[in-house]
């Protein structure tokens, strides 16, 4: 079973490719930085040893995804993009959804409603998920949603672990501005 784990940033696409048959074995890891600007580079390692880098200017995440899948196929790590069994994401939030979901139109719509609380990440994840759906229509996309995931893992506290603390830290400047506006 071939799983591509995608980590989407506002200007980056990072990945790890795993072969889950007979254990969890990482086949490749890498990414493309500077999406949307000059100087983009695709850098990756194969099985933690062989490293490669090449110029890869990408105007948007869809181009980065295609370049990555093309390179993994050219290096014969994938028989083709459709040989993936799933693509996994760790996204910020989709509001009142389960912590782990199959990505569908309802999940994407919920993520869009949460853009105001995750403006740097949700739009990039939404665009990337839509791109993966176009390129790989038969491959399931699975999202682990950080806020909900932290609350569903035994022994973890969503307020202090992972995204709970990040969400609080990102909201603090907004709270201060609102308080300042009320005082002044």
C-alpha atoms as a PDB file:
ATOM      1  CA  UNK A   1       0.000   0.000   0.000  1.00  0.00           C
ATOM      2  CA  UNK A   2       1.523   3.299  -1.149  1.00  0.00           C
ATOM      3  CA  UNK A   3       0.667   6.379   0.921  1.00  0.00           C
ATOM      4  CA  UNK A   4       1.734   9.925   0.089  1.00  0.00           C
ATOM      5  CA  UNK A   5       1.674  12.231   3.115  1.00  0.00           C
ATOM      6  CA  UNK A   6       1.333  15.858   2.015  1.00  0.00           C
ATOM      7  CA  UNK A   7       2.269  18.853   4.148  1.00  0.00           C
ATOM      8  CA  UNK A   8       0.992  22.035   2.551  1.00  0.00           C
ATOM      9  CA  UNK A   9       2.269  25.488   3.433  1.00  0.00           C
ATOM     10  CA  UNK A  10       1.208  28.789   1.966  1.00  0.00           C
ATOM     11  CA  UNK A  11       4.240  28.704  -0.391  1.00  0.00           C
ATOM     12  CA  UNK A  12       5.460  25.125  -0.018  1.00  0.00           C
ATOM     13  CA  UNK A  13       4.551  21.507  -0.653  1.00  0.00           C
ATOM     14  CA  UNK A  14       6.390  18.855   1.337  1.00  0.00           C
ATOM     15  CA  UNK A  15       5.830  15.129   1.048  1.00  0.00           C
ATOM     16  CA  UNK A  16       6.768  11.731   2.362  1.00  0.00           C
ATOM     17  CA  UNK A  17       6.063   8.550   0.407  1.00  0.00           C
ATOM     18  CA  UNK A  18       5.512   5.373   2.411  1.00  0.00           C
ATOM     19  CA  UNK A  19       5.226   1.733   1.394  1.00  0.00           C
ATOM     20  CA  UNK A  20       3.016   0.235   4.096  1.00  0.00           C
ATOM     21  CA  UNK A  21       3.284  -3.380   2.880  1.00  0.00           C
ATOM     22  CA  UNK A  22       5.363  -5.395   5.334  1.00  0.00           C
ATOM     23  CA  UNK A  23       5.771  -2.440   7.685  1.00  0.00           C
ATOM     24  CA  UNK A  24       6.052   1.304   7.428  1.00  0.00           C
ATOM     25  CA  UNK A  25       8.960   2.019   5.096  1.00  0.00           C
ATOM     26  CA  UNK A  26       9.712   5.541   3.895  1.00  0.00           C
ATOM     27  CA  UNK A  27      10.629   5.492   0.217  1.00  0.00           C
ATOM     28  CA  UNK A  28      11.128   9.222  -0.339  1.00  0.00           C
ATOM     29  CA  UNK A  29      10.796  12.583   1.374  1.00  0.00           C
ATOM     30  CA  UNK A  30      11.139  16.081   0.050  1.00  0.00           C
ATOM     31  CA  UNK A  31       9.344  19.137  -1.151  1.00  0.00           C
ATOM     32  CA  UNK A  32       9.082  22.228  -3.262  1.00  0.00           C
ATOM     33  CA  UNK A  33       9.551  25.671  -1.725  1.00  0.00           C
ATOM     34  CA  UNK A  34       8.855  29.183  -3.015  1.00  0.00           C
ATOM     35  CA  UNK A  35       5.616  28.291  -4.776  1.00  0.00           C
ATOM     36  CA  UNK A  36       4.317  31.413  -6.464  1.00  0.00           C
ATOM     37  CA  UNK A  37       7.693  33.160  -6.606  1.00  0.00           C
ATOM     38  CA  UNK A  38      11.052  32.890  -8.351  1.00  0.00           C
ATOM     39  CA  UNK A  39      13.654  30.305  -7.386  1.00  0.00           C
ATOM     40  CA  UNK A  40      11.509  27.283  -6.613  1.00  0.00           C
ATOM     41  CA  UNK A  41      13.454  24.063  -6.006  1.00  0.00           C
ATOM     42  CA  UNK A  42      12.329  20.445  -5.823  1.00  0.00           C
ATOM     43  CA  UNK A  43      14.564  18.732  -3.268  1.00  0.00           C
ATOM     44  CA  UNK A  44      14.144  15.162  -2.071  1.00  0.00           C
ATOM     45  CA  UNK A  45      15.872  12.096  -0.721  1.00  0.00           C
ATOM     46  CA  UNK A  46      15.227   8.493  -1.626  1.00  0.00           C
ATOM     47  CA  UNK A  47      15.144   6.026   1.267  1.00  0.00           C
ATOM     48  CA  UNK A  48      16.976   8.578   3.400  1.00  0.00           C
ATOM     49  CA  UNK A  49      20.164   8.237   1.363  1.00  0.00           C
ATOM     50  CA  UNK A  50      20.296   9.511  -2.203  1.00  0.00           C
ATOM     51  CA  UNK A  51      19.534  13.219  -2.393  1.00  0.00           C
ATOM     52  CA  UNK A  52      18.581  15.279  -5.397  1.00  0.00           C
ATOM     53  CA  UNK A  53      17.596  18.858  -6.115  1.00  0.00           C
ATOM     54  CA  UNK A  54      16.520  20.598  -9.287  1.00  0.00           C
ATOM     55  CA  UNK A  55      14.995  23.954 -10.204  1.00  0.00           C
ATOM     56  CA  UNK A  56      11.228  23.746 -10.137  1.00  0.00           C
ATOM     57  CA  UNK A  57       9.472  27.099 -10.421  1.00  0.00           C
ATOM     58  CA  UNK A  58       5.772  26.609  -9.699  1.00  0.00           C
ATOM     59  CA  UNK A  59       3.137  29.321  -9.896  1.00  0.00           C
ATOM     60  CA  UNK A  60       0.688  27.357  -7.743  1.00  0.00           C
ATOM     61  CA  UNK A  61       0.345  24.204  -5.661  1.00  0.00           C
ATOM     62  CA  UNK A  62      -1.189  22.235  -8.550  1.00  0.00           C
ATOM     63  CA  UNK A  63       2.065  22.579 -10.512  1.00  0.00           C
ATOM     64  CA  UNK A  64       4.114  21.504  -7.473  1.00  0.00           C
ATOM     65  CA  UNK A  65       1.923  18.429  -6.980  1.00  0.00           C
ATOM     66  CA  UNK A  66       2.263  17.444 -10.643  1.00  0.00           C
ATOM     67  CA  UNK A  67       6.045  17.960 -10.543  1.00  0.00           C
ATOM     68  CA  UNK A  68       6.365  15.846  -7.409  1.00  0.00           C
ATOM     69  CA  UNK A  69       4.228  13.001  -8.754  1.00  0.00           C
ATOM     70  CA  UNK A  70       6.103  13.151 -12.051  1.00  0.00           C
ATOM     71  CA  UNK A  71       9.481  12.914 -10.326  1.00  0.00           C
ATOM     72  CA  UNK A  72       8.378  10.028  -8.074  1.00  0.00           C
ATOM     73  CA  UNK A  73       7.158   8.209 -11.191  1.00  0.00           C
ATOM     74  CA  UNK A  74      10.319   8.999 -13.193  1.00  0.00           C
ATOM     75  CA  UNK A  75      12.441   7.629 -10.331  1.00  0.00           C
ATOM     76  CA  UNK A  76      10.246   4.474 -10.408  1.00  0.00           C
ATOM     77  CA  UNK A  77       9.117   4.915  -6.821  1.00  0.00           C
ATOM     78  CA  UNK A  78       5.574   4.943  -8.201  1.00  0.00           C
ATOM     79  CA  UNK A  79       4.314   2.980 -11.197  1.00  0.00           C
ATOM     80  CA  UNK A  80       2.287   6.124 -11.904  1.00  0.00           C
ATOM     81  CA  UNK A  81       0.418   8.697  -9.831  1.00  0.00           C
ATOM     82  CA  UNK A  82      -2.687   6.514  -9.821  1.00  0.00           C
ATOM     83  CA  UNK A  83      -0.707   3.723  -8.131  1.00  0.00           C
ATOM     84  CA  UNK A  84      -1.048   5.610  -4.844  1.00  0.00           C
ATOM     85  CA  UNK A  85      -3.516   3.992  -2.458  1.00  0.00           C
ATOM     86  CA  UNK A  86      -4.173   7.206  -0.518  1.00  0.00           C
ATOM     87  CA  UNK A  87      -2.984  10.763   0.044  1.00  0.00           C
ATOM     88  CA  UNK A  88      -2.960  11.941   3.665  1.00  0.00           C
ATOM     89  CA  UNK A  89      -3.004  15.484   5.039  1.00  0.00           C
ATOM     90  CA  UNK A  90      -2.741  17.039   8.493  1.00  0.00           C
ATOM     91  CA  UNK A  91      -4.828  20.157   8.086  1.00  0.00           C
ATOM     92  CA  UNK A  92      -5.753  22.778  10.671  1.00  0.00           C
ATOM     93  CA  UNK A  93      -9.534  22.665  10.962  1.00  0.00           C
ATOM     94  CA  UNK A  94     -12.821  22.070   9.212  1.00  0.00           C
ATOM     95  CA  UNK A  95     -14.991  23.160  12.102  1.00  0.00           C
ATOM     96  CA  UNK A  96     -17.497  20.661  13.462  1.00  0.00           C
ATOM     97  CA  UNK A  97     -16.241  17.589  11.587  1.00  0.00           C
ATOM     98  CA  UNK A  98     -14.771  14.332  12.762  1.00  0.00           C
ATOM     99  CA  UNK A  99     -11.033  14.503  13.524  1.00  0.00           C
ATOM    100  CA  UNK A 100     -10.150  12.169  10.626  1.00  0.00           C
ATOM    101  CA  UNK A 101     -12.199  12.387   7.442  1.00  0.00           C
ATOM    102  CA  UNK A 102     -12.266  11.379   3.816  1.00  0.00           C
ATOM    103  CA  UNK A 103     -11.976  14.595   1.846  1.00  0.00           C
ATOM    104  CA  UNK A 104     -15.160  15.343  -0.067  1.00  0.00           C
ATOM    105  CA  UNK A 105     -17.112  18.440  -1.100  1.00  0.00           C
ATOM    106  CA  UNK A 106     -18.637  18.802   2.381  1.00  0.00           C
ATOM    107  CA  UNK A 107     -15.217  18.740   4.077  1.00  0.00           C
ATOM    108  CA  UNK A 108     -13.817  21.274   1.604  1.00  0.00           C
ATOM    109  CA  UNK A 109     -16.827  23.546   2.188  1.00  0.00           C
ATOM    110  CA  UNK A 110     -16.331  23.256   5.970  1.00  0.00           C
ATOM    111  CA  UNK A 111     -12.647  24.129   5.553  1.00  0.00           C
ATOM    112  CA  UNK A 112     -13.624  27.152   3.453  1.00  0.00           C
ATOM    113  CA  UNK A 113     -15.892  28.366   6.266  1.00  0.00           C
ATOM    114  CA  UNK A 114     -12.881  28.146   8.624  1.00  0.00           C
ATOM    115  CA  UNK A 115     -10.544  30.255   6.463  1.00  0.00           C
ATOM    116  CA  UNK A 116     -10.942  33.279   8.796  1.00  0.00           C
ATOM    117  CA  UNK A 117      -9.407  31.285  11.682  1.00  0.00           C
ATOM    118  CA  UNK A 118      -6.728  29.583   9.560  1.00  0.00           C
ATOM    119  CA  UNK A 119      -6.012  32.102   6.774  1.00  0.00           C
ATOM    120  CA  UNK A 120      -2.427  31.015   6.115  1.00  0.00           C
ATOM    121  CA  UNK A 121      -3.090  27.288   5.839  1.00  0.00           C
ATOM    122  CA  UNK A 122      -6.684  26.412   4.960  1.00  0.00           C
ATOM    123  CA  UNK A 123      -6.682  28.104   1.512  1.00  0.00           C
ATOM    124  CA  UNK A 124      -3.478  26.278   0.520  1.00  0.00           C
ATOM    125  CA  UNK A 125      -4.800  22.932   1.795  1.00  0.00           C
ATOM    126  CA  UNK A 126      -8.130  23.448   0.033  1.00  0.00           C
ATOM    127  CA  UNK A 127      -6.373  24.241  -3.268  1.00  0.00           C
ATOM    128  CA  UNK A 128      -4.012  21.274  -2.894  1.00  0.00           C
ATOM    129  CA  UNK A 129      -6.821  18.862  -2.014  1.00  0.00           C
ATOM    130  CA  UNK A 130      -8.784  20.005  -5.066  1.00  0.00           C
ATOM    131  CA  UNK A 131      -5.683  19.556  -7.232  1.00  0.00           C
ATOM    132  CA  UNK A 132      -5.135  16.035  -5.919  1.00  0.00           C
ATOM    133  CA  UNK A 133      -8.803  15.238  -6.610  1.00  0.00           C
ATOM    134  CA  UNK A 134      -8.380  16.388 -10.217  1.00  0.00           C
ATOM    135  CA  UNK A 135      -5.130  14.502 -10.809  1.00  0.00           C
ATOM    136  CA  UNK A 136      -6.088  11.387  -8.814  1.00  0.00           C
ATOM    137  CA  UNK A 137      -9.901  11.095  -8.915  1.00  0.00           C
ATOM    138  CA  UNK A 138      -9.924   7.433  -7.789  1.00  0.00           C
ATOM    139  CA  UNK A 139      -7.402   7.846  -4.932  1.00  0.00           C
ATOM    140  CA  UNK A 140      -8.895   8.529  -1.486  1.00  0.00           C
ATOM    141  CA  UNK A 141      -7.761  11.704   0.255  1.00  0.00           C
ATOM    142  CA  UNK A 142      -7.714  11.530   4.050  1.00  0.00           C
ATOM    143  CA  UNK A 143      -7.406  14.552   6.330  1.00  0.00           C
ATOM    144  CA  UNK A 144      -6.427  14.468   9.996  1.00  0.00           C
ATOM    145  CA  UNK A 145      -7.724  17.766  11.324  1.00  0.00           C
ATOM    146  CA  UNK A 146      -5.381  19.118  13.972  1.00  0.00           C
ATOM    147  CA  UNK A 147      -7.813  20.679  16.427  1.00  0.00           C
ATOM    148  CA  UNK A 148     -10.203  17.706  16.442  1.00  0.00           C
ATOM    149  CA  UNK A 149      -7.372  15.185  16.309  1.00  0.00           C
ATOM    150  CA  UNK A 150      -5.711  16.622  19.414  1.00  0.00           C
ATOM    151  CA  UNK A 151      -8.977  16.249  21.328  1.00  0.00           C
ATOM    152  CA  UNK A 152      -9.510  12.629  20.283  1.00  0.00           C
ATOM    153  CA  UNK A 153      -6.133  11.157  21.263  1.00  0.00           C
ATOM    154  CA  UNK A 154      -6.129   9.733  24.767  1.00  0.00           C
ATOM    155  CA  UNK A 155      -3.783  11.575  27.097  1.00  0.00           C
ATOM    156  CA  UNK A 156      -3.567  14.683  24.907  1.00  0.00           C
ATOM    157  CA  UNK A 157      -4.953  18.078  25.863  1.00  0.00           C
ATOM    158  CA  UNK A 158      -6.188  20.099  22.870  1.00  0.00           C
ATOM    159  CA  UNK A 159      -5.622  23.369  24.733  1.00  0.00           C
ATOM    160  CA  UNK A 160      -1.907  22.811  25.291  1.00  0.00           C
ATOM    161  CA  UNK A 161      -0.939  20.230  22.665  1.00  0.00           C
ATOM    162  CA  UNK A 162      -0.457  20.895  19.001  1.00  0.00           C
ATOM    163  CA  UNK A 163      -2.961  23.105  17.287  1.00  0.00           C
ATOM    164  CA  UNK A 164      -4.803  24.236  20.418  1.00  0.00           C
ATOM    165  CA  UNK A 165      -1.777  26.212  21.534  1.00  0.00           C
ATOM    166  CA  UNK A 166      -1.100  27.382  17.983  1.00  0.00           C
ATOM    167  CA  UNK A 167      -4.704  28.511  17.597  1.00  0.00           C
ATOM    168  CA  UNK A 168      -4.491  30.439  20.876  1.00  0.00           C
ATOM    169  CA  UNK A 169      -1.181  32.027  19.876  1.00  0.00           C
ATOM    170  CA  UNK A 170      -2.583  33.114  16.515  1.00  0.00           C
ATOM    171  CA  UNK A 171      -5.725  34.551  18.121  1.00  0.00           C
ATOM    172  CA  UNK A 172      -3.876  36.504  20.825  1.00  0.00           C
ATOM    173  CA  UNK A 173      -2.969  39.495  18.579  1.00  0.00           C
ATOM    174  CA  UNK A 174      -6.596  39.724  17.431  1.00  0.00           C
ATOM    175  CA  UNK A 175      -7.799  39.687  21.035  1.00  0.00           C
ATOM    176  CA  UNK A 176      -5.352  42.461  21.963  1.00  0.00           C
ATOM    177  CA  UNK A 177      -6.468  44.632  19.035  1.00  0.00           C
ATOM    178  CA  UNK A 178     -10.127  44.150  19.990  1.00  0.00           C
ATOM    179  CA  UNK A 179      -9.390  45.002  23.622  1.00  0.00           C
ATOM    180  CA  UNK A 180      -7.359  48.040  22.584  1.00  0.00           C
ATOM    181  CA  UNK A 181     -10.240  49.184  20.384  1.00  0.00           C
ATOM    182  CA  UNK A 182     -12.674  48.885  23.302  1.00  0.00           C
ATOM    183  CA  UNK A 183     -10.383  50.800  25.677  1.00  0.00           C
ATOM    184  CA  UNK A 184      -9.389  53.617  23.328  1.00  0.00           C
END
